Amino acid sequence: MGMLRTIIWVLLTAVLVIFAMANWIPVTVTIWPGQVLDTKLPVLILTSFLIGSVPMWVALRTTRWSMKRRLDASERQAADLRALANRPVEVTPTAPVNDIPPAPTDLFSTDKP
């Protein structure tokens, strides 16, 4: 996989270098009225690409940072729950329970005044 990625990057770089050499012409860019910039076309294209990609890269990094924090918190919580589930249970003695239901005669008093 790493070899294929390297081949793709080398081919892409070669294409970009050939494009830059073929289009190495001066370009006049008007930034604001009265302010003109003379530059080469590949430099202008690279600058525009960077201006567009840097904010998206920053947004991606902040999202990854936020998701990593959430994942770490979830893993800590899961580890705490596992520790609670695996702890030894203390058995406390309880009083015996009378499971025999009362007789009907015990429920109603038969003494009549």
Protein backbone atom coordinates (compact mmCIF):
# COMPACT_ATOMS: atom_id res chain seq x y z
CA MET A 1 0.00 0.00 0.00
CA GLY A 2 2.84 2.39 0.82
CA MET A 3 4.52 1.66 -2.50
CA LEU A 4 1.34 2.47 -4.44
CA ARG A 5 0.91 5.72 -2.53
CA THR A 6 4.51 6.70 -3.29
CA ILE A 7 4.04 5.97 -7.00
CA ILE A 8 0.87 8.11 -7.09
CA TRP A 9 2.62 11.02 -5.32
CA VAL A 10 5.61 10.82 -7.68
CA LEU A 11 3.33 10.84 -10.75
CA LEU A 12 1.29 13.74 -9.38
CA THR A 13 4.45 15.72 -8.64
CA ALA A 14 5.80 15.04 -12.13
CA VAL A 15 2.55 16.23 -13.73
CA LEU A 16 2.57 19.40 -11.61
CA VAL A 17 6.21 20.16 -12.48
CA ILE A 18 5.53 19.66 -16.20
CA PHE A 19 2.46 21.91 -15.93
CA ALA A 20 4.47 24.59 -14.10
CA MET A 21 7.28 24.50 -16.67
CA ALA A 22 4.85 24.71 -19.60
CA ASN A 23 2.96 27.67 -18.08
CA TRP A 24 5.83 29.73 -16.62
CA ILE A 25 4.46 33.01 -17.90
CA PRO A 26 4.02 36.28 -16.02
CA VAL A 27 0.49 37.13 -14.91
CA THR A 28 -0.78 40.49 -13.69
CA VAL A 29 -3.21 40.26 -10.79
CA THR A 30 -5.16 43.28 -9.55
CA ILE A 31 -5.57 42.82 -5.81
CA TRP A 32 -7.32 46.15 -5.08
CA PRO A 33 -7.80 49.12 -7.34
CA GLY A 34 -4.40 50.71 -7.65
CA GLN A 35 -2.54 47.66 -6.33
CA VAL A 36 -1.21 45.31 -9.01
CA LEU A 37 0.88 42.17 -8.49
CA ASP A 38 3.05 40.62 -11.23
CA THR A 39 3.72 36.93 -10.60
CA LYS A 40 4.17 33.66 -12.45
CA LEU A 41 1.09 31.53 -13.18
CA PRO A 42 2.15 28.38 -11.21
CA VAL A 43 2.92 30.52 -8.15
CA LEU A 44 -0.55 32.06 -8.39
CA ILE A 45 -2.20 28.64 -8.71
CA LEU A 46 -0.23 27.22 -5.77
CA THR A 47 -1.04 30.25 -3.61
CA SER A 48 -4.76 30.00 -4.42
CA PHE A 49 -4.72 26.29 -3.63
CA LEU A 50 -3.09 26.91 -0.26
CA ILE A 51 -5.47 29.76 0.59
CA GLY A 52 -8.39 27.41 -0.06
CA SER A 53 -7.00 24.28 1.58
CA VAL A 54 -5.51 25.65 4.82
CA PRO A 55 -8.87 26.59 6.44
CA MET A 56 -10.29 23.16 5.60
CA TRP A 57 -7.18 21.49 7.01
CA VAL A 58 -7.56 23.49 10.24
CA ALA A 59 -11.25 22.50 10.45
CA LEU A 60 -10.32 18.85 9.93
CA ARG A 61 -7.65 18.96 12.64
CA THR A 62 -10.00 20.59 15.17
CA THR A 63 -12.71 18.02 14.41
CA ARG A 64 -10.23 15.16 14.82
CA TRP A 65 -8.99 16.68 18.09
CA SER A 66 -12.56 16.98 19.40
CA MET A 67 -13.45 13.42 18.37
CA LYS A 68 -10.26 12.07 19.96
CA ARG A 69 -11.14 13.78 23.24
CA ARG A 70 -14.65 12.29 23.14
CA LEU A 71 -13.27 8.84 22.33
CA ASP A 72 -10.76 9.04 25.19
CA ALA A 73 -13.53 10.06 27.60
CA SER A 74 -15.69 7.15 26.42
CA GLU A 75 -12.81 4.70 26.82
CA ARG A 76 -12.16 5.97 30.35
CA GLN A 77 -15.85 5.57 31.18
CA ALA A 78 -15.90 2.03 29.74
CA ALA A 79 -12.81 1.13 31.78
CA ASP A 80 -14.50 2.46 34.93
CA LEU A 81 -17.63 0.42 34.20
CA ARG A 82 -15.51 -2.70 33.58
CA ALA A 83 -13.75 -2.14 36.90
CA LEU A 84 -17.12 -1.81 38.66
CA ALA A 85 -18.42 -4.97 37.00
CA ASN A 86 -15.33 -6.98 37.94
CA ARG A 87 -15.07 -5.93 41.58
CA PRO A 88 -15.81 -8.57 44.24
CA VAL A 89 -19.29 -8.46 45.69
CA GLU A 90 -19.58 -8.30 49.47
CA VAL A 91 -22.15 -10.73 50.80
CA THR A 92 -24.01 -9.36 53.79
CA PRO A 93 -26.03 -11.73 55.95
CA THR A 94 -29.73 -10.98 55.88
CA ALA A 95 -32.52 -11.98 58.18
CA PRO A 96 -34.41 -15.08 57.08
CA VAL A 97 -37.49 -14.33 55.06
CA ASN A 98 -40.77 -15.98 55.89
CA ASP A 99 -42.02 -17.21 52.53
CA ILE A 100 -45.09 -18.95 53.92
CA PRO A 101 -48.22 -16.88 53.34
CA PRO A 102 -50.45 -16.23 56.36
CA ALA A 103 -53.45 -18.42 56.87
CA PRO A 104 -56.86 -16.86 56.15
CA THR A 105 -57.77 -17.13 59.78
CA ASP A 106 -54.75 -14.97 60.67
CA LEU A 107 -55.90 -12.20 58.36
CA PHE A 108 -59.34 -11.69 59.91
CA SER A 109 -59.98 -11.62 63.56
CA THR A 110 -62.77 -13.94 64.66
CA ASP A 111 -63.32 -12.22 68.00
CA LYS A 112 -66.65 -10.43 68.00
CA PRO A 113 -67.27 -7.88 70.72
